Amino acid sequence: MTAPSTPAPEPAGPDGGMRGRLRHWWLRRLPARARHRLGHRNLYVLPTRAGWMLGLTLVLLLVGSINFQLNLGYALTFLVAGSAAAAVWAAHANLRGVELMLDTAPECWAGRRTALPVRLQPGARARWALALRAAGDGEETMLDAPAGPDSVAAVPWTPPRRGRHPAPPLRIATRYPLGVCEVWSWWRPQATLLVYPGPEPDAPPPPWAGGDGDAGGTAPPALPDAGADNDDVRPWRHGDPARRVLWKKAARQPDDDPRHWWVRAPVGDPRPPAWLDERTCGLRDPEAVRARLCAWVLAAERAGRPYGLRVGGVAVPPDLGPAQRRRCLEVLACH
């Protein structure tokens, strides 16, 4: 079973109905770009509720000033109207010239909230009260971007399901300085995100299997103590216990990178590799099977037990480490 990719973005807003469908239709027609520079062609301006109320108040002030011939009323009306017009220009200038790009996204899990790192290049001037959110998500990220260095905003997003998905459309907006108008722009990032299946919350312990795939217990046997006659030396791997590290050699290294460490490993490790097979899950729902296998992959990695994976007609040979973890999670996401 292969999880199909989603060619279209997710629904474009927390609100549904006709408004949400129109916005979704419009966002699907936006060109996907790796970088998005804000300018006159892609910035939109509309009054806020406070702006509409201010406009109505100015109309009433103008009518009253004309009716009663109030010079101070004229002055107040035109002063407030001029300030509102200047606020519209300032809000537009607050976004004009900003450039957006998507940094390397962290690990994404289906149904779990993640943060999309969006890098902003403000240019030579500071940008104030910027609000970013992903399509289909009502939570906004607010930030102020100082002039010069780039700023990174963590935009919350919840992947709907596993598989490869296009990055959701992102909205950037501001109401600075007076809040009488909102200036905004939408951007479709030209990026594809790999979403892993969400691990089962209370999954049973993995069936540590032998090389033939038969269940062989619920926990890995303990490693024998390192001896002088039956030990071998190999590079450090994720999950190796600290007692096996050759600390004298590690202390001579110029840095503290564990990849340069060496450990003692017993020759002929009696533990067979663990095979995580969809047939041993005891579940029928394909999504529930992948959620349980995902939890077992993470448990095997934490236990430091070499493991392989069989799911969807794909077999991943037994191994251990970040590369094996990433390979197995990718198979679970896409098959």
C-alpha atoms as a PDB file:
ATOM      1  CA  MET A   1       0.000   0.000   0.000  1.00  0.00           C
ATOM      2  CA  THR A   2       1.445   3.369  -1.006  1.00  0.00           C
ATOM      3  CA  ALA A   3       0.421   6.626   0.599  1.00  0.00           C
ATOM      4  CA  PRO A   4      -0.490   8.937  -2.288  1.00  0.00           C
ATOM      5  CA  SER A   5       1.051  12.371  -2.409  1.00  0.00           C
ATOM      6  CA  THR A   6      -1.289  15.328  -2.194  1.00  0.00           C
ATOM      7  CA  PRO A   7      -0.811  17.606  -5.204  1.00  0.00           C
ATOM      8  CA  ALA A   8      -3.063  20.351  -3.893  1.00  0.00           C
ATOM      9  CA  PRO A   9      -2.625  22.323  -0.676  1.00  0.00           C
ATOM     10  CA  GLU A  10      -4.782  21.722   2.340  1.00  0.00           C
ATOM     11  CA  PRO A  11      -7.927  23.771   2.920  1.00  0.00           C
ATOM     12  CA  ALA A  12      -6.907  27.372   3.144  1.00  0.00           C
ATOM     13  CA  GLY A  13      -8.248  28.477   6.436  1.00  0.00           C
ATOM     14  CA  PRO A  14      -9.783  27.440   9.733  1.00  0.00           C
ATOM     15  CA  ASP A  15     -13.161  28.723   8.550  1.00  0.00           C
ATOM     16  CA  GLY A  16     -15.205  26.509   6.252  1.00  0.00           C
ATOM     17  CA  GLY A  17     -18.109  27.154   3.940  1.00  0.00           C
ATOM     18  CA  MET A  18     -18.036  29.162   0.758  1.00  0.00           C
ATOM     19  CA  ARG A  19     -15.296  31.473   1.978  1.00  0.00           C
ATOM     20  CA  GLY A  20     -12.938  28.578   2.701  1.00  0.00           C
ATOM     21  CA  ARG A  21     -13.676  26.909  -0.653  1.00  0.00           C
ATOM     22  CA  LEU A  22     -13.035  30.135  -2.574  1.00  0.00           C
ATOM     23  CA  ARG A  23      -9.765  30.650  -0.747  1.00  0.00           C
ATOM     24  CA  HIS A  24      -8.731  27.050  -1.398  1.00  0.00           C
ATOM     25  CA  TRP A  25      -9.569  27.452  -5.111  1.00  0.00           C
ATOM     26  CA  TRP A  26      -7.518  30.632  -5.290  1.00  0.00           C
ATOM     27  CA  LEU A  27      -4.491  29.214  -3.437  1.00  0.00           C
ATOM     28  CA  ARG A  28      -4.327  26.213  -5.753  1.00  0.00           C
ATOM     29  CA  ARG A  29      -3.650  28.612  -8.617  1.00  0.00           C
ATOM     30  CA  LEU A  30      -0.773  30.420  -6.954  1.00  0.00           C
ATOM     31  CA  PRO A  31       2.601  29.506  -8.493  1.00  0.00           C
ATOM     32  CA  ALA A  32       4.912  27.570  -6.176  1.00  0.00           C
ATOM     33  CA  ARG A  33       8.182  29.411  -5.494  1.00  0.00           C
ATOM     34  CA  ALA A  34      11.253  28.601  -3.445  1.00  0.00           C
ATOM     35  CA  ARG A  35      11.543  32.270  -2.390  1.00  0.00           C
ATOM     36  CA  HIS A  36       8.802  34.858  -2.021  1.00  0.00           C
ATOM     37  CA  ARG A  37       9.594  38.561  -2.193  1.00  0.00           C
ATOM     38  CA  LEU A  38       6.820  40.903  -1.123  1.00  0.00           C
ATOM     39  CA  GLY A  39       6.054  43.831  -3.392  1.00  0.00           C
ATOM     40  CA  HIS A  40       3.280  45.801  -5.078  1.00  0.00           C
ATOM     41  CA  ARG A  41       2.150  42.809  -7.164  1.00  0.00           C
ATOM     42  CA  ASN A  42       1.465  40.389  -4.302  1.00  0.00           C
ATOM     43  CA  LEU A  43       0.463  42.584  -1.324  1.00  0.00           C
ATOM     44  CA  TYR A  44      -3.225  43.156  -0.598  1.00  0.00           C
ATOM     45  CA  VAL A  45      -4.846  45.755   1.669  1.00  0.00           C
ATOM     46  CA  LEU A  46      -8.296  45.837   3.273  1.00  0.00           C
ATOM     47  CA  PRO A  47      -9.717  47.726   6.266  1.00  0.00           C
ATOM     48  CA  THR A  48     -10.144  45.836   9.514  1.00  0.00           C
ATOM     49  CA  ARG A  49     -13.297  46.030  11.623  1.00  0.00           C
ATOM     50  CA  ALA A  50     -11.705  48.846  13.560  1.00  0.00           C
ATOM     51  CA  GLY A  51     -10.925  50.553  10.262  1.00  0.00           C
ATOM     52  CA  TRP A  52     -14.555  50.306   9.095  1.00  0.00           C
ATOM     53  CA  MET A  53     -15.750  51.726  12.402  1.00  0.00           C
ATOM     54  CA  LEU A  54     -13.219  54.555  12.130  1.00  0.00           C
ATOM     55  CA  GLY A  55     -14.468  55.335   8.621  1.00  0.00           C
ATOM     56  CA  LEU A  56     -18.078  55.446   9.824  1.00  0.00           C
ATOM     57  CA  THR A  57     -17.056  57.724  12.705  1.00  0.00           C
ATOM     58  CA  LEU A  58     -15.274  60.087  10.320  1.00  0.00           C
ATOM     59  CA  VAL A  59     -18.357  60.274   8.114  1.00  0.00           C
ATOM     60  CA  LEU A  60     -20.508  61.199  11.132  1.00  0.00           C
ATOM     61  CA  LEU A  61     -17.947  63.776  12.245  1.00  0.00           C
ATOM     62  CA  LEU A  62     -17.880  65.316   8.782  1.00  0.00           C
ATOM     63  CA  VAL A  63     -21.690  65.460   8.549  1.00  0.00           C
ATOM     64  CA  GLY A  64     -21.917  67.065  11.995  1.00  0.00           C
ATOM     65  CA  SER A  65     -19.205  69.603  11.175  1.00  0.00           C
ATOM     66  CA  ILE A  66     -20.948  70.586   7.941  1.00  0.00           C
ATOM     67  CA  ASN A  67     -24.346  70.813   9.655  1.00  0.00           C
ATOM     68  CA  PHE A  68     -23.164  72.980  12.555  1.00  0.00           C
ATOM     69  CA  GLN A  69     -20.266  74.739  10.754  1.00  0.00           C
ATOM     70  CA  LEU A  70     -17.681  73.550  13.319  1.00  0.00           C
ATOM     71  CA  ASN A  71     -14.150  74.513  12.302  1.00  0.00           C
ATOM     72  CA  LEU A  72     -12.649  72.367  15.040  1.00  0.00           C
ATOM     73  CA  GLY A  73     -14.790  69.484  13.797  1.00  0.00           C
ATOM     74  CA  TYR A  74     -13.316  69.887  10.313  1.00  0.00           C
ATOM     75  CA  ALA A  75      -9.801  69.948  11.772  1.00  0.00           C
ATOM     76  CA  LEU A  76     -10.380  66.822  13.855  1.00  0.00           C
ATOM     77  CA  THR A  77     -11.974  64.958  10.947  1.00  0.00           C
ATOM     78  CA  PHE A  78      -9.179  65.686   8.476  1.00  0.00           C
ATOM     79  CA  LEU A  79      -6.462  65.090  11.096  1.00  0.00           C
ATOM     80  CA  VAL A  80      -7.789  61.623  11.949  1.00  0.00           C
ATOM     81  CA  ALA A  81      -8.410  60.800   8.266  1.00  0.00           C
ATOM     82  CA  GLY A  82      -4.864  61.842   7.376  1.00  0.00           C
ATOM     83  CA  SER A  83      -3.468  59.701  10.195  1.00  0.00           C
ATOM     84  CA  ALA A  84      -5.448  56.704   8.958  1.00  0.00           C
ATOM     85  CA  ALA A  85      -4.210  57.222   5.388  1.00  0.00           C
ATOM     86  CA  ALA A  86      -0.620  57.461   6.652  1.00  0.00           C
ATOM     87  CA  ALA A  87      -1.166  54.216   8.635  1.00  0.00           C
ATOM     88  CA  VAL A  88      -2.183  52.419   5.424  1.00  0.00           C
ATOM     89  CA  TRP A  89       1.029  53.536   3.721  1.00  0.00           C
ATOM     90  CA  ALA A  90       3.126  52.571   6.779  1.00  0.00           C
ATOM     91  CA  ALA A  91       1.535  49.114   6.963  1.00  0.00           C
ATOM     92  CA  HIS A  92       2.236  48.477   3.281  1.00  0.00           C
ATOM     93  CA  ALA A  93       5.837  49.673   3.661  1.00  0.00           C
ATOM     94  CA  ASN A  94       6.236  47.419   6.702  1.00  0.00           C
ATOM     95  CA  LEU A  95       5.896  44.335   4.457  1.00  0.00           C
ATOM     96  CA  ARG A  96       7.219  45.647   1.150  1.00  0.00           C
ATOM     97  CA  GLY A  97      10.685  44.262   0.413  1.00  0.00           C
ATOM     98  CA  VAL A  98      10.549  41.324   2.866  1.00  0.00           C
ATOM     99  CA  GLU A  99      11.739  38.030   1.386  1.00  0.00           C
ATOM    100  CA  LEU A 100      10.607  34.620   2.659  1.00  0.00           C
ATOM    101  CA  MET A 101      12.153  31.191   2.273  1.00  0.00           C
ATOM    102  CA  LEU A 102      11.624  27.818   3.935  1.00  0.00           C
ATOM    103  CA  ASP A 103      14.455  26.334   5.995  1.00  0.00           C
ATOM    104  CA  THR A 104      15.001  22.600   6.345  1.00  0.00           C
ATOM    105  CA  ALA A 105      11.876  21.316   8.021  1.00  0.00           C
ATOM    106  CA  PRO A 106      12.156  19.138  11.141  1.00  0.00           C
ATOM    107  CA  GLU A 107      10.710  15.651  11.403  1.00  0.00           C
ATOM    108  CA  CYS A 108       6.974  15.697  10.712  1.00  0.00           C
ATOM    109  CA  TRP A 109       4.583  13.169  12.252  1.00  0.00           C
ATOM    110  CA  ALA A 110       1.018  12.644  11.066  1.00  0.00           C
ATOM    111  CA  GLY A 111      -1.517  14.175  13.423  1.00  0.00           C
ATOM    112  CA  ARG A 112       1.149  15.844  15.565  1.00  0.00           C
ATOM    113  CA  ARG A 113       1.868  19.546  15.648  1.00  0.00           C
ATOM    114  CA  THR A 114       5.157  20.584  14.104  1.00  0.00           C
ATOM    115  CA  ALA A 115       6.854  23.914  13.412  1.00  0.00           C
ATOM    116  CA  LEU A 116       7.840  24.984   9.913  1.00  0.00           C
ATOM    117  CA  PRO A 117      10.956  27.199  10.064  1.00  0.00           C
ATOM    118  CA  VAL A 118      10.381  30.223   7.819  1.00  0.00           C
ATOM    119  CA  ARG A 119      13.379  32.498   7.262  1.00  0.00           C
ATOM    120  CA  LEU A 120      12.666  36.202   6.758  1.00  0.00           C
ATOM    121  CA  GLN A 121      15.101  38.644   5.196  1.00  0.00           C
ATOM    122  CA  PRO A 122      13.930  42.076   6.403  1.00  0.00           C
ATOM    123  CA  GLY A 123      16.487  44.125   4.507  1.00  0.00           C
ATOM    124  CA  ALA A 124      17.813  47.456   5.729  1.00  0.00           C
ATOM    125  CA  ARG A 125      14.827  48.362   7.925  1.00  0.00           C
ATOM    126  CA  ALA A 126      13.125  46.746  10.879  1.00  0.00           C
ATOM    127  CA  ARG A 127       9.729  45.072  10.424  1.00  0.00           C
ATOM    128  CA  TRP A 128       7.190  45.134  13.213  1.00  0.00           C
ATOM    129  CA  ALA A 129       4.213  42.990  14.293  1.00  0.00           C
ATOM    130  CA  LEU A 130       4.423  40.373  11.550  1.00  0.00           C
ATOM    131  CA  ALA A 131       1.921  37.506  11.782  1.00  0.00           C
ATOM    132  CA  LEU A 132       2.530  34.190   9.990  1.00  0.00           C
ATOM    133  CA  ARG A 133       0.310  31.135   9.815  1.00  0.00           C
ATOM    134  CA  ALA A 134      -0.089  28.043   7.671  1.00  0.00           C
ATOM    135  CA  ALA A 135      -3.174  27.372   5.561  1.00  0.00           C
ATOM    136  CA  GLY A 136      -5.733  25.346   7.464  1.00  0.00           C
ATOM    137  CA  ASP A 137      -4.335  26.414  10.844  1.00  0.00           C
ATOM    138  CA  GLY A 138      -5.752  29.221  12.960  1.00  0.00           C
ATOM    139  CA  GLU A 139      -2.706  29.735  15.195  1.00  0.00           C
ATOM    140  CA  GLU A 140      -0.480  32.667  14.236  1.00  0.00           C
ATOM    141  CA  THR A 141       3.175  33.269  14.999  1.00  0.00           C
ATOM    142  CA  MET A 142       3.985  36.891  15.819  1.00  0.00           C
ATOM    143  CA  LEU A 143       7.474  38.340  15.532  1.00  0.00           C
ATOM    144  CA  ASP A 144       9.439  41.536  15.068  1.00  0.00           C
ATOM    145  CA  ALA A 145      12.308  41.329  12.577  1.00  0.00           C
ATOM    146  CA  PRO A 146      15.210  43.700  13.293  1.00  0.00           C
ATOM    147  CA  ALA A 147      17.058  45.287  10.413  1.00  0.00           C
ATOM    148  CA  GLY A 148      19.996  43.417   8.889  1.00  0.00           C
ATOM    149  CA  PRO A 149      20.188  39.792  10.043  1.00  0.00           C
ATOM    150  CA  ASP A 150      17.678  37.164   9.011  1.00  0.00           C
ATOM    151  CA  SER A 151      14.919  36.158  11.409  1.00  0.00           C
ATOM    152  CA  VAL A 152      13.416  32.670  11.688  1.00  0.00           C
ATOM    153  CA  ALA A 153       9.770  32.140  12.593  1.00  0.00           C
ATOM    154  CA  ALA A 154       8.420  28.754  13.730  1.00  0.00           C
ATOM    155  CA  VAL A 155       5.011  28.472  12.048  1.00  0.00           C
ATOM    156  CA  PRO A 156       2.799  25.730  13.605  1.00  0.00           C
ATOM    157  CA  TRP A 157       1.297  23.138  11.289  1.00  0.00           C
ATOM    158  CA  THR A 158      -0.355  19.750  11.806  1.00  0.00           C
ATOM    159  CA  PRO A 159       0.233  17.252   8.956  1.00  0.00           C
ATOM    160  CA  PRO A 160      -3.047  15.535   8.071  1.00  0.00           C
ATOM    161  CA  ARG A 161      -1.615  12.121   7.149  1.00  0.00           C
ATOM    162  CA  ARG A 162       1.571  10.263   6.345  1.00  0.00           C
ATOM    163  CA  GLY A 163       3.338  10.414   2.987  1.00  0.00           C
ATOM    164  CA  ARG A 164       4.983  13.086   0.890  1.00  0.00           C
ATOM    165  CA  HIS A 165       3.062  16.350   0.902  1.00  0.00           C
ATOM    166  CA  PRO A 166       3.687  19.759  -0.604  1.00  0.00           C
ATOM    167  CA  ALA A 167       4.435  22.400   1.995  1.00  0.00           C
ATOM    168  CA  PRO A 168       1.237  24.192   3.021  1.00  0.00           C
ATOM    169  CA  PRO A 169       0.607  27.738   1.766  1.00  0.00           C
ATOM    170  CA  LEU A 170       1.820  30.356   4.231  1.00  0.00           C
ATOM    171  CA  ARG A 171       0.222  33.702   5.005  1.00  0.00           C
ATOM    172  CA  ILE A 172       2.130  36.743   6.241  1.00  0.00           C
ATOM    173  CA  ALA A 173       0.202  39.799   7.418  1.00  0.00           C
ATOM    174  CA  THR A 174       0.559  42.948   9.512  1.00  0.00           C
ATOM    175  CA  ARG A 175      -1.740  45.558  11.068  1.00  0.00           C
ATOM    176  CA  TYR A 176       1.068  47.833  12.153  1.00  0.00           C
ATOM    177  CA  PRO A 177       0.931  50.661  13.231  1.00  0.00           C
ATOM    178  CA  LEU A 178      -2.705  51.600  14.035  1.00  0.00           C
ATOM    179  CA  GLY A 179      -4.660  48.450  13.179  1.00  0.00           C
ATOM    180  CA  VAL A 180      -7.069  50.248  10.837  1.00  0.00           C
ATOM    181  CA  CYS A 181      -6.068  48.042   7.887  1.00  0.00           C
ATOM    182  CA  GLU A 182      -4.490  44.651   7.269  1.00  0.00           C
ATOM    183  CA  VAL A 183      -1.825  44.062   4.621  1.00  0.00           C
ATOM    184  CA  TRP A 184      -1.225  40.427   3.698  1.00  0.00           C
ATOM    185  CA  SER A 185       0.208  38.052   1.138  1.00  0.00           C
ATOM    186  CA  TRP A 186       0.003  34.291   0.480  1.00  0.00           C
ATOM    187  CA  TRP A 187       2.955  32.128  -0.538  1.00  0.00           C
ATOM    188  CA  ARG A 188       3.106  28.519  -1.776  1.00  0.00           C
ATOM    189  CA  PRO A 189       6.574  27.183  -0.916  1.00  0.00           C
ATOM    190  CA  GLN A 190       8.181  24.998  -3.570  1.00  0.00           C
ATOM    191  CA  ALA A 191       9.025  22.199  -1.149  1.00  0.00           C
ATOM    192  CA  THR A 192       7.886  18.659  -0.388  1.00  0.00           C
ATOM    193  CA  LEU A 193       7.667  17.432   3.195  1.00  0.00           C
ATOM    194  CA  LEU A 194       8.006  13.799   4.260  1.00  0.00           C
ATOM    195  CA  VAL A 195       5.460  13.034   6.976  1.00  0.00           C
ATOM    196  CA  TYR A 196       6.076   9.942   9.103  1.00  0.00           C
ATOM    197  CA  PRO A 197       3.143   8.014  10.602  1.00  0.00           C
ATOM    198  CA  GLY A 198       2.363   9.024  14.141  1.00  0.00           C
ATOM    199  CA  PRO A 199       3.614   6.365  16.590  1.00  0.00           C
ATOM    200  CA  GLU A 200       0.970   4.503  18.561  1.00  0.00           C
ATOM    201  CA  PRO A 201       0.729   6.194  21.997  1.00  0.00           C
ATOM    202  CA  ASP A 202       0.550   3.045  24.167  1.00  0.00           C
ATOM    203  CA  ALA A 203       1.977   0.444  21.830  1.00  0.00           C
ATOM    204  CA  PRO A 204       2.744  -3.026  23.233  1.00  0.00           C
ATOM    205  CA  PRO A 205       6.424  -3.943  23.524  1.00  0.00           C
ATOM    206  CA  PRO A 206       7.957  -5.028  20.212  1.00  0.00           C
ATOM    207  CA  PRO A 207       8.247  -8.789  19.572  1.00  0.00           C
ATOM    208  CA  TRP A 208      12.037  -9.125  19.417  1.00  0.00           C
ATOM    209  CA  ALA A 209      12.286 -11.603  16.574  1.00  0.00           C
ATOM    210  CA  GLY A 210      15.007 -13.861  15.380  1.00  0.00           C
ATOM    211  CA  GLY A 211      16.455 -13.898  11.911  1.00  0.00           C
ATOM    212  CA  ASP A 212      13.586 -16.028  10.593  1.00  0.00           C
ATOM    213  CA  GLY A 213      10.905 -13.572  11.723  1.00  0.00           C
ATOM    214  CA  ASP A 214       9.471 -15.713  14.559  1.00  0.00           C
ATOM    215  CA  ALA A 215       8.704 -13.999  17.822  1.00  0.00           C
ATOM    216  CA  GLY A 216      11.319 -14.511  20.441  1.00  0.00           C
ATOM    217  CA  GLY A 217      10.359 -12.538  23.537  1.00  0.00           C
ATOM    218  CA  THR A 218       9.429  -9.017  24.520  1.00  0.00           C
ATOM    219  CA  ALA A 219      12.797  -7.561  25.531  1.00  0.00           C
ATOM    220  CA  PRO A 220      16.358  -7.860  24.263  1.00  0.00           C
ATOM    221  CA  PRO A 221      18.724  -9.962  26.368  1.00  0.00           C
ATOM    222  CA  ALA A 222      21.448  -8.144  28.234  1.00  0.00           C
ATOM    223  CA  LEU A 223      24.870  -7.838  26.669  1.00  0.00           C
ATOM    224  CA  PRO A 224      27.610  -9.879  28.314  1.00  0.00           C
ATOM    225  CA  ASP A 225      30.359  -7.955  30.059  1.00  0.00           C
ATOM    226  CA  ALA A 226      33.306  -7.042  27.912  1.00  0.00           C
ATOM    227  CA  GLY A 227      36.268  -9.336  28.363  1.00  0.00           C
ATOM    228  CA  ALA A 228      39.850  -9.230  27.257  1.00  0.00           C
ATOM    229  CA  ASP A 229      39.684 -12.386  25.143  1.00  0.00           C
ATOM    230  CA  ASN A 230      36.366 -12.180  23.366  1.00  0.00           C
ATOM    231  CA  ASP A 231      36.110  -8.437  22.625  1.00  0.00           C
ATOM    232  CA  ASP A 232      36.478  -6.645  19.321  1.00  0.00           C
ATOM    233  CA  VAL A 233      36.877  -2.897  18.716  1.00  0.00           C
ATOM    234  CA  ARG A 234      34.623  -0.983  16.365  1.00  0.00           C
ATOM    235  CA  PRO A 235      33.457   2.651  15.862  1.00  0.00           C
ATOM    236  CA  TRP A 236      30.811   4.019  18.208  1.00  0.00           C
ATOM    237  CA  ARG A 237      27.165   3.632  17.126  1.00  0.00           C
ATOM    238  CA  HIS A 238      24.035   5.250  18.481  1.00  0.00           C
ATOM    239  CA  GLY A 239      22.724   3.166  21.375  1.00  0.00           C
ATOM    240  CA  ASP A 240      26.086   1.752  22.539  1.00  0.00           C
ATOM    241  CA  PRO A 241      26.330   1.717  26.369  1.00  0.00           C
ATOM    242  CA  ALA A 242      28.780   4.127  27.953  1.00  0.00           C
ATOM    243  CA  ARG A 243      30.655   1.328  29.753  1.00  0.00           C
ATOM    244  CA  ARG A 244      31.933  -0.025  26.416  1.00  0.00           C
ATOM    245  CA  VAL A 245      33.434   3.281  25.220  1.00  0.00           C
ATOM    246  CA  LEU A 246      37.254   3.405  25.192  1.00  0.00           C
ATOM    247  CA  TRP A 247      37.449   6.619  27.167  1.00  0.00           C
ATOM    248  CA  LYS A 248      41.231   6.876  27.109  1.00  0.00           C
ATOM    249  CA  LYS A 249      41.201   6.978  23.315  1.00  0.00           C
ATOM    250  CA  ALA A 250      38.185   9.317  23.308  1.00  0.00           C
ATOM    251  CA  ALA A 251      40.033  11.767  25.578  1.00  0.00           C
ATOM    252  CA  ARG A 252      42.820  12.091  22.991  1.00  0.00           C
ATOM    253  CA  GLN A 253      40.406  13.271  20.293  1.00  0.00           C
ATOM    254  CA  PRO A 254      40.525  17.007  19.511  1.00  0.00           C
ATOM    255  CA  ASP A 255      36.735  17.337  19.822  1.00  0.00           C
ATOM    256  CA  ASP A 256      33.864  15.619  21.620  1.00  0.00           C
ATOM    257  CA  ASP A 257      32.232  14.202  18.487  1.00  0.00           C
ATOM    258  CA  PRO A 258      30.973  10.670  19.362  1.00  0.00           C
ATOM    259  CA  ARG A 259      31.584   9.595  15.770  1.00  0.00           C
ATOM    260  CA  HIS A 260      35.309   9.519  16.594  1.00  0.00           C
ATOM    261  CA  TRP A 261      34.885   7.221  19.601  1.00  0.00           C
ATOM    262  CA  TRP A 262      35.649   3.497  19.735  1.00  0.00           C
ATOM    263  CA  VAL A 263      33.835   0.839  21.729  1.00  0.00           C
ATOM    264  CA  ARG A 264      34.411  -2.749  22.749  1.00  0.00           C
ATOM    265  CA  ALA A 265      32.013  -5.171  21.100  1.00  0.00           C
ATOM    266  CA  PRO A 266      31.864  -8.870  21.985  1.00  0.00           C
ATOM    267  CA  VAL A 267      32.802 -11.166  19.146  1.00  0.00           C
ATOM    268  CA  GLY A 268      29.798 -13.219  18.085  1.00  0.00           C
ATOM    269  CA  ASP A 269      27.063 -11.167  19.734  1.00  0.00           C
ATOM    270  CA  PRO A 270      24.442 -13.769  20.778  1.00  0.00           C
ATOM    271  CA  ARG A 271      21.535 -11.414  20.116  1.00  0.00           C
ATOM    272  CA  PRO A 272      19.915 -12.013  16.704  1.00  0.00           C
ATOM    273  CA  PRO A 273      18.589  -8.949  14.860  1.00  0.00           C
ATOM    274  CA  ALA A 274      14.979  -8.044  15.558  1.00  0.00           C
ATOM    275  CA  TRP A 275      12.581  -8.215  12.623  1.00  0.00           C
ATOM    276  CA  LEU A 276       9.624  -5.848  12.882  1.00  0.00           C
ATOM    277  CA  ASP A 277       6.997  -7.422  10.649  1.00  0.00           C
ATOM    278  CA  GLU A 278       3.494  -6.171   9.866  1.00  0.00           C
ATOM    279  CA  ARG A 279       2.244  -9.749  10.254  1.00  0.00           C
ATOM    280  CA  THR A 280       3.105  -9.724  13.973  1.00  0.00           C
ATOM    281  CA  CYS A 281       1.144  -6.526  14.727  1.00  0.00           C
ATOM    282  CA  GLY A 282      -2.207  -8.219  15.134  1.00  0.00           C
ATOM    283  CA  LEU A 283      -4.028  -5.321  13.470  1.00  0.00           C
ATOM    284  CA  ARG A 284      -6.015  -5.054  10.251  1.00  0.00           C
ATOM    285  CA  ASP A 285      -6.155  -1.322   9.669  1.00  0.00           C
ATOM    286  CA  PRO A 286      -3.121  -0.399   7.511  1.00  0.00           C
ATOM    287  CA  GLU A 287      -2.710   2.970   9.236  1.00  0.00           C
ATOM    288  CA  ALA A 288      -2.851   1.377  12.697  1.00  0.00           C
ATOM    289  CA  VAL A 289      -0.259  -1.201  11.577  1.00  0.00           C
ATOM    290  CA  ARG A 290       2.141   1.541  10.497  1.00  0.00           C
ATOM    291  CA  ALA A 291       1.565   3.492  13.705  1.00  0.00           C
ATOM    292  CA  ARG A 292       2.506   0.422  15.770  1.00  0.00           C
ATOM    293  CA  LEU A 293       5.530  -0.369  13.604  1.00  0.00           C
ATOM    294  CA  CYS A 294       6.648   3.237  13.953  1.00  0.00           C
ATOM    295  CA  ALA A 295       6.500   2.933  17.739  1.00  0.00           C
ATOM    296  CA  TRP A 296       8.479  -0.330  17.558  1.00  0.00           C
ATOM    297  CA  VAL A 297      11.161   1.249  15.356  1.00  0.00           C
ATOM    298  CA  LEU A 298      11.641   4.054  17.886  1.00  0.00           C
ATOM    299  CA  ALA A 299      11.711   1.537  20.758  1.00  0.00           C
ATOM    300  CA  ALA A 300      14.327  -0.642  19.031  1.00  0.00           C
ATOM    301  CA  GLU A 301      16.469   2.412  18.348  1.00  0.00           C
ATOM    302  CA  ARG A 302      16.305   3.486  21.985  1.00  0.00           C
ATOM    303  CA  ALA A 303      17.205  -0.041  23.129  1.00  0.00           C
ATOM    304  CA  GLY A 304      20.225  -0.187  20.821  1.00  0.00           C
ATOM    305  CA  ARG A 305      18.985  -3.430  19.247  1.00  0.00           C
ATOM    306  CA  PRO A 306      19.701  -3.990  15.521  1.00  0.00           C
ATOM    307  CA  TYR A 307      16.396  -4.314  13.717  1.00  0.00           C
ATOM    308  CA  GLY A 308      14.901  -4.848  10.286  1.00  0.00           C
ATOM    309  CA  LEU A 309      11.507  -3.992   8.886  1.00  0.00           C
ATOM    310  CA  ARG A 310       8.998  -5.797   6.673  1.00  0.00           C
ATOM    311  CA  VAL A 311       5.934  -3.847   5.563  1.00  0.00           C
ATOM    312  CA  GLY A 312       4.006  -3.329   2.337  1.00  0.00           C
ATOM    313  CA  GLY A 313       6.131  -5.801   0.405  1.00  0.00           C
ATOM    314  CA  VAL A 314       9.340  -3.919   1.300  1.00  0.00           C
ATOM    315  CA  ALA A 315      12.081  -5.408   3.466  1.00  0.00           C
ATOM    316  CA  VAL A 316      14.746  -3.245   5.128  1.00  0.00           C
ATOM    317  CA  PRO A 317      17.798  -5.273   6.215  1.00  0.00           C
ATOM    318  CA  PRO A 318      18.688  -5.196   9.916  1.00  0.00           C
ATOM    319  CA  ASP A 319      20.932  -2.377  11.085  1.00  0.00           C
ATOM    320  CA  LEU A 320      21.137   0.280  13.784  1.00  0.00           C
ATOM    321  CA  GLY A 321      21.681   4.009  13.855  1.00  0.00           C
ATOM    322  CA  PRO A 322      20.207   7.274  12.512  1.00  0.00           C
ATOM    323  CA  ALA A 323      20.409   6.128   8.878  1.00  0.00           C
ATOM    324  CA  GLN A 324      18.481   2.922   9.654  1.00  0.00           C
ATOM    325  CA  ARG A 325      15.894   4.842  11.648  1.00  0.00           C
ATOM    326  CA  ARG A 326      15.391   7.329   8.822  1.00  0.00           C
ATOM    327  CA  ARG A 327      15.190   4.542   6.205  1.00  0.00           C
ATOM    328  CA  CYS A 328      12.556   2.587   8.148  1.00  0.00           C
ATOM    329  CA  LEU A 329      10.448   5.653   8.894  1.00  0.00           C
ATOM    330  CA  GLU A 330      10.541   6.636   5.224  1.00  0.00           C
ATOM    331  CA  VAL A 331       9.308   3.167   4.228  1.00  0.00           C
ATOM    332  CA  LEU A 332       6.499   3.428   6.783  1.00  0.00           C
ATOM    333  CA  ALA A 333       5.558   6.861   5.447  1.00  0.00           C
ATOM    334  CA  CYS A 334       5.453   5.949   1.769  1.00  0.00           C
ATOM    335  CA  HIS A 335       4.335   2.283   1.645  1.00  0.00           C
END
